[in-house]
Amino acid sequence: MKKLSKMFIALTCVGALLAGCGSGNTAQTPAPAQQPAKEQSNSGSTPKTSGEPVTAVGSTALQPLVEQAAKDFMAKNAGAQIQVQGGGSGTGLSQVASGAATIGNSDIFAEEKKGIPANELVDHKVAVVGMAAAVSPQVKVDNLTKQQLIDIFTGKITNWKDVGGEDMKITLVNRPKSSGTRATFSKFALDGKEEAEGITEDSSGTVRKIIAETPGAIGYLALSYFNDSVKALKLDGVEANAENITSNKYPVWAYEHMYTKGEAAGDAKAFLDFILTDEVQKKTVTELGFLPITDMKVERDAEGKVTQK
């Protein structure tokens, strides 16, 4: 009887222990119920970005594209902060090199700008843009040879009648020397000749306004800035359009660069990746007068050498 009692007590203790273990397992079983919350966190409703401010500064030729891309990016990513400013390519390159801006927008290669530590910057080519001589609607000239264009911008020709137009004074509207648009136009349209003095404006938008409102005015703009208020001139009979630019038949074009100091990271990388998506390249880029990088049939290096792809 004593042995039986001891066995009974032992079995009772074992049962209690087993019951305790069982209750512990029961307490852990609700874990699968948390799965819906996990799925919700990956549903895309939460921001993909950290919200760190990203500043993109520089080229006013590229500015309309970066502004629209930033607007679309922020609409898709709650909390993202992309601030876009102009100032010219030189400003963009110097600002990103010094760390004052996250991204430096430029119409020229960093290697082309004196004083810029190009080896510290990483180039992100996001589009191609053509540039053309722009005149007021009153100018009755549609085409200039390269030599005529050079003679106008160097001050040798000062009246439109000398190139087949009406008797009207030519007014030059230039960009500052820090401008990538000026550097590109000077290099490929003027063969590097120094421009004569004229009206000088920092902003492409202001240049367009002055040309449109000044009879006889001539300047140069990225194709993204042309509208009905100004007219683009052909160069040696060749129109500045996508077909002629992609083949380099029309030579006045530039890559649109977005430089970072070192490899892009965080929200800056996410933004740059977004600009290179088909959504932006095939829609926004073309709608705003730029060309997708993938459309180019040629490549150009920092020295201006062109090779077939």
Protein backbone atom coordinates (compact mmCIF):
# COMPACT_ATOMS: atom_id res chain seq x y z
CA MET A 1 0.00 0.00 0.00
CA LYS A 2 2.81 2.34 0.80
CA LYS A 3 4.43 1.53 -2.53
CA LEU A 4 1.17 2.19 -4.35
CA SER A 5 0.73 5.51 -2.58
CA LYS A 6 4.20 6.59 -3.56
CA MET A 7 3.56 5.61 -7.18
CA PHE A 8 0.31 7.52 -7.20
CA ILE A 9 1.97 10.64 -5.84
CA ALA A 10 4.78 10.35 -8.43
CA LEU A 11 2.30 9.99 -11.29
CA THR A 12 0.35 12.99 -9.99
CA CYS A 13 3.51 15.13 -10.02
CA VAL A 14 4.44 14.02 -13.51
CA GLY A 15 0.95 14.84 -14.71
CA ALA A 16 1.16 18.28 -13.17
CA LEU A 17 4.46 18.91 -14.86
CA LEU A 18 3.10 17.79 -18.20
CA ALA A 19 0.07 20.01 -17.76
CA GLY A 20 2.35 22.94 -16.98
CA CYS A 21 4.40 22.29 -20.10
CA GLY A 22 1.27 21.97 -22.15
CA SER A 23 -0.04 25.27 -20.90
CA GLY A 24 3.29 26.88 -21.82
CA ASN A 25 2.99 25.61 -25.40
CA THR A 26 -0.54 26.91 -25.57
CA ALA A 27 0.69 30.38 -24.64
CA GLN A 28 3.08 30.39 -27.60
CA THR A 29 0.62 29.24 -30.24
CA PRO A 30 -0.92 32.67 -31.04
CA ALA A 31 2.26 33.60 -33.02
CA PRO A 32 0.70 32.72 -36.39
CA ALA A 33 -2.07 35.22 -35.65
CA GLN A 34 0.52 38.01 -36.04
CA GLN A 35 1.08 37.14 -39.72
CA PRO A 36 -1.55 39.52 -41.13
CA ALA A 37 0.21 42.47 -39.50
CA LYS A 38 3.51 41.39 -41.09
CA GLU A 39 1.91 41.20 -44.52
CA GLN A 40 0.40 44.62 -44.07
CA SER A 41 3.82 46.15 -43.39
CA ASN A 42 5.02 44.93 -46.81
CA SER A 43 1.92 46.02 -48.67
CA GLY A 44 3.55 49.19 -50.03
CA SER A 45 1.43 51.53 -47.93
CA THR A 46 4.43 52.48 -45.81
CA PRO A 47 7.15 54.84 -47.12
CA LYS A 48 10.14 53.29 -48.89
CA THR A 49 12.28 56.28 -47.95
CA SER A 50 13.71 57.58 -44.70
CA GLY A 51 12.58 61.18 -45.16
CA GLU A 52 16.12 62.57 -45.14
CA PRO A 53 16.25 65.84 -47.14
CA VAL A 54 17.82 65.54 -50.61
CA THR A 55 18.93 68.70 -52.40
CA ALA A 56 19.50 68.65 -56.18
CA VAL A 57 21.19 71.85 -57.38
CA GLY A 58 22.57 73.12 -60.68
CA SER A 59 21.64 72.98 -64.37
CA THR A 60 18.56 75.00 -65.27
CA ALA A 61 18.32 73.05 -68.53
CA LEU A 62 17.81 69.86 -66.50
CA GLN A 63 15.71 71.56 -63.82
CA PRO A 64 12.24 70.95 -65.38
CA LEU A 65 12.87 67.20 -65.54
CA VAL A 66 14.27 66.94 -62.00
CA GLU A 67 11.41 69.04 -60.61
CA GLN A 68 8.75 66.85 -62.24
CA ALA A 69 10.53 63.64 -61.23
CA ALA A 70 10.82 64.92 -57.65
CA LYS A 71 7.11 65.75 -57.56
CA ASP A 72 6.20 62.26 -58.80
CA PHE A 73 8.69 60.57 -56.47
CA MET A 74 7.36 62.37 -53.40
CA ALA A 75 3.78 61.51 -54.39
CA LYS A 76 4.73 57.83 -54.40
CA ASN A 77 6.85 57.94 -51.24
CA ALA A 78 5.22 59.61 -48.27
CA GLY A 79 7.77 61.54 -46.22
CA ALA A 80 10.35 61.89 -49.02
CA GLN A 81 11.88 65.38 -49.26
CA ILE A 82 13.47 66.35 -52.59
CA GLN A 83 14.41 70.01 -53.00
CA VAL A 84 15.38 71.21 -56.50
CA GLN A 85 17.25 74.44 -57.24
CA GLY A 86 18.90 75.99 -60.31
CA GLY A 87 22.05 78.08 -60.42
CA GLY A 88 23.82 76.54 -63.41
CA SER A 89 25.97 73.47 -63.94
CA GLY A 90 29.07 75.04 -62.41
CA THR A 91 27.15 75.77 -59.23
CA GLY A 92 25.77 72.24 -59.13
CA LEU A 93 29.21 70.67 -59.50
CA SER A 94 30.86 72.90 -56.89
CA GLN A 95 27.97 72.44 -54.44
CA VAL A 96 28.01 68.64 -54.60
CA ALA A 97 31.81 68.54 -54.47
CA SER A 98 31.82 70.64 -51.29
CA GLY A 99 29.03 68.62 -49.70
CA ALA A 100 26.59 71.54 -49.70
CA ALA A 101 24.21 69.64 -52.02
CA THR A 102 23.31 65.97 -52.22
CA ILE A 103 23.13 65.96 -56.02
CA GLY A 104 24.80 68.26 -58.54
CA ASN A 105 22.88 68.64 -61.81
CA SER A 106 25.06 69.38 -64.81
CA ASP A 107 24.96 69.61 -68.62
CA ILE A 108 28.70 68.95 -68.77
CA PHE A 109 31.07 66.29 -67.50
CA ALA A 110 32.70 67.14 -64.17
CA GLU A 111 36.06 66.72 -65.91
CA GLU A 112 35.24 69.72 -68.11
CA LYS A 113 34.91 72.12 -65.19
CA LYS A 114 38.15 73.54 -63.88
CA GLY A 115 38.64 73.19 -60.13
CA ILE A 116 36.16 70.33 -59.69
CA PRO A 117 37.57 67.11 -58.12
CA ALA A 118 35.92 64.85 -60.70
CA ASN A 119 37.54 61.73 -59.22
CA GLU A 120 35.49 62.24 -56.04
CA LEU A 121 32.17 62.41 -57.91
CA VAL A 122 30.00 59.65 -59.34
CA ASP A 123 28.21 60.37 -62.61
CA HIS A 124 24.56 59.39 -63.12
CA LYS A 125 23.49 60.14 -66.70
CA VAL A 126 19.72 60.51 -66.68
CA ALA A 127 18.87 61.94 -70.12
CA VAL A 128 20.12 63.73 -73.22
CA VAL A 129 19.11 67.23 -74.27
CA GLY A 130 19.58 69.14 -77.50
CA MET A 131 20.36 72.85 -77.54
CA ALA A 132 19.63 75.35 -80.28
CA ALA A 133 19.90 79.01 -81.15
CA ALA A 134 16.67 80.72 -80.13
CA VAL A 135 15.25 83.88 -81.71
CA SER A 136 12.24 86.08 -81.26
CA PRO A 137 9.25 85.40 -83.55
CA GLN A 138 9.93 88.70 -85.37
CA VAL A 139 13.16 87.33 -86.83
CA LYS A 140 12.42 86.09 -90.36
CA VAL A 141 15.35 83.67 -90.48
CA ASP A 142 14.97 79.92 -89.99
CA ASN A 143 18.48 78.63 -90.67
CA LEU A 144 22.06 79.72 -90.08
CA THR A 145 25.33 78.18 -91.13
CA LYS A 146 27.79 77.49 -88.36
CA GLN A 147 30.00 80.32 -89.59
CA GLN A 148 27.08 82.76 -89.58
CA LEU A 149 26.22 81.68 -86.04
CA ILE A 150 29.83 82.17 -84.95
CA ASP A 151 29.94 85.61 -86.58
CA ILE A 152 26.73 86.65 -84.81
CA PHE A 153 27.81 85.51 -81.35
CA THR A 154 31.31 86.95 -81.69
CA GLY A 155 29.91 90.31 -82.74
CA LYS A 156 31.02 90.36 -86.39
CA ILE A 157 27.43 90.32 -87.68
CA THR A 158 25.13 92.76 -85.89
CA ASN A 159 22.11 93.03 -88.20
CA TRP A 160 19.74 90.33 -89.42
CA LYS A 161 19.79 91.72 -92.97
CA ASP A 162 23.35 90.37 -93.30
CA VAL A 163 22.09 86.79 -93.02
CA GLY A 164 18.97 87.08 -95.18
CA GLY A 165 16.62 88.66 -92.67
CA GLU A 166 15.06 92.09 -92.31
CA ASP A 167 16.91 95.26 -91.35
CA MET A 168 16.86 94.66 -87.61
CA LYS A 169 19.54 94.99 -84.94
CA ILE A 170 20.74 91.75 -83.37
CA THR A 171 20.65 91.63 -79.58
CA LEU A 172 22.68 88.85 -77.94
CA VAL A 173 21.32 87.08 -74.88
CA ASN A 174 23.93 84.92 -73.16
CA ARG A 175 24.23 82.62 -70.17
CA PRO A 176 27.03 83.16 -67.60
CA LYS A 177 30.30 81.26 -67.92
CA SER A 178 29.21 78.89 -65.13
CA SER A 179 26.38 77.64 -67.36
CA GLY A 180 26.59 74.14 -68.83
CA THR A 181 24.22 75.20 -71.61
CA ARG A 182 26.68 77.94 -72.58
CA ALA A 183 29.62 75.50 -72.45
CA THR A 184 27.82 72.98 -74.66
CA PHE A 185 26.59 75.57 -77.17
CA SER A 186 29.99 77.24 -77.33
CA LYS A 187 31.83 73.93 -77.82
CA PHE A 188 29.63 72.34 -80.46
CA ALA A 189 27.91 75.30 -82.19
CA LEU A 190 30.56 78.03 -81.96
CA ASP A 191 33.71 75.88 -82.10
CA GLY A 192 34.77 77.28 -78.74
CA LYS A 193 34.84 80.92 -79.88
CA GLU A 194 34.44 83.57 -77.17
CA GLU A 195 31.03 85.21 -77.15
CA ALA A 196 30.67 88.97 -77.49
CA GLU A 197 29.09 90.98 -74.71
CA GLY A 198 25.34 91.01 -74.50
CA ILE A 199 22.56 90.53 -71.99
CA THR A 200 23.60 87.81 -69.52
CA GLU A 201 21.08 85.88 -67.44
CA ASP A 202 21.49 82.96 -65.01
CA SER A 203 18.16 81.29 -65.73
CA SER A 204 17.07 79.59 -68.96
CA GLY A 205 13.54 80.70 -68.22
CA THR A 206 14.61 84.34 -68.02
CA VAL A 207 16.65 83.99 -71.23
CA ARG A 208 13.56 82.71 -73.03
CA LYS A 209 11.44 85.58 -71.70
CA ILE A 210 13.96 88.22 -72.84
CA ILE A 211 14.32 86.68 -76.30
CA ALA A 212 10.54 86.48 -76.72
CA GLU A 213 10.03 90.10 -75.71
CA THR A 214 13.02 91.67 -77.51
CA PRO A 215 12.73 92.17 -81.29
CA GLY A 216 15.87 90.88 -82.99
CA ALA A 217 17.13 88.97 -79.97
CA ILE A 218 19.06 85.70 -80.23
CA GLY A 219 20.28 83.35 -77.53
CA TYR A 220 20.39 79.62 -76.95
CA LEU A 221 18.23 77.22 -74.98
CA ALA A 222 17.85 73.56 -74.21
CA LEU A 223 15.03 72.09 -76.29
CA SER A 224 13.11 71.51 -73.05
CA TYR A 225 12.61 75.30 -72.83
CA PHE A 226 11.24 75.97 -76.30
CA ASN A 227 7.60 76.95 -76.68
CA ASP A 228 5.55 79.11 -79.03
CA SER A 229 7.16 82.31 -77.70
CA VAL A 230 10.57 81.58 -79.28
CA LYS A 231 11.82 79.89 -82.43
CA ALA A 232 14.64 77.35 -82.81
CA LEU A 233 16.99 77.88 -85.75
CA LYS A 234 18.32 75.07 -87.90
CA LEU A 235 22.09 74.69 -88.03
CA ASP A 236 23.52 74.13 -91.51
CA GLY A 237 20.03 73.09 -92.59
CA VAL A 238 19.69 70.44 -89.87
CA GLU A 239 16.82 70.66 -87.41
CA ALA A 240 17.37 70.04 -83.70
CA ASN A 241 15.05 67.05 -83.27
CA ALA A 242 15.25 63.62 -81.70
CA GLU A 243 16.13 61.75 -84.89
CA ASN A 244 19.01 64.08 -85.75
CA ILE A 245 20.33 64.24 -82.18
CA THR A 246 20.37 60.49 -81.53
CA SER A 247 22.51 59.96 -84.65
CA ASN A 248 24.69 63.06 -83.98
CA LYS A 249 23.62 64.54 -87.32
CA TYR A 250 22.70 67.54 -85.18
CA PRO A 251 25.78 67.92 -82.94
CA VAL A 252 24.66 70.41 -80.28
CA TRP A 253 23.53 68.12 -77.48
CA ALA A 254 24.64 67.08 -74.03
CA TYR A 255 24.14 64.38 -71.46
CA GLU A 256 22.20 65.45 -68.43
CA HIS A 257 24.28 64.40 -65.42
CA MET A 258 23.27 64.09 -61.78
CA TYR A 259 26.48 63.80 -59.76
CA THR A 260 26.85 62.53 -56.20
CA LYS A 261 29.93 62.72 -54.00
CA GLY A 262 30.79 59.06 -53.78
CA GLU A 263 28.21 56.38 -54.41
CA ALA A 264 24.60 57.46 -53.98
CA ALA A 265 22.89 56.14 -50.86
CA GLY A 266 19.60 56.35 -49.02
CA ASP A 267 16.88 58.55 -50.45
CA ALA A 268 19.26 60.06 -53.03
CA LYS A 269 19.87 56.61 -54.51
CA ALA A 270 16.16 55.81 -54.44
CA PHE A 271 15.41 59.06 -56.30
CA LEU A 272 18.11 58.49 -58.92
CA ASP A 273 16.91 54.91 -59.45
CA PHE A 274 13.38 56.25 -59.91
CA ILE A 275 14.47 58.67 -62.65
CA LEU A 276 15.96 55.77 -64.61
CA THR A 277 12.77 53.69 -64.48
CA ASP A 278 10.73 53.17 -67.65
CA GLU A 279 7.94 55.19 -66.05
CA VAL A 280 10.09 58.32 -66.09
CA GLN A 281 12.31 57.62 -69.10
CA LYS A 282 9.54 56.68 -71.54
CA LYS A 283 7.01 59.26 -70.40
CA THR A 284 8.29 62.24 -68.40
CA VAL A 285 11.65 62.52 -70.16
CA THR A 286 10.16 62.65 -73.66
CA GLU A 287 7.17 64.81 -72.71
CA LEU A 288 9.50 67.49 -71.36
CA GLY A 289 11.67 67.63 -74.48
CA PHE A 290 14.55 65.38 -73.41
CA LEU A 291 15.73 62.09 -74.90
CA PRO A 292 16.12 58.83 -72.98
CA ILE A 293 19.74 57.66 -72.73
CA THR A 294 18.76 54.35 -74.35
CA ASP A 295 17.61 56.13 -77.55
CA MET A 296 21.12 57.35 -78.38
CA LYS A 297 22.84 55.63 -81.30
CA VAL A 298 26.16 57.26 -80.40
CA GLU A 299 28.21 57.95 -77.29
CA ARG A 300 30.27 61.02 -76.45
CA ASP A 301 33.10 61.32 -73.92
CA ALA A 302 34.23 64.31 -71.85
CA GLU A 303 36.57 65.44 -74.64
CA GLY A 304 33.71 65.50 -77.17
CA LYS A 305 34.78 62.40 -79.09
CA VAL A 306 31.77 60.60 -80.59
CA THR A 307 31.63 56.85 -81.24
CA GLN A 308 28.88 54.59 -82.54
CA LYS A 309 27.18 52.36 -80.00
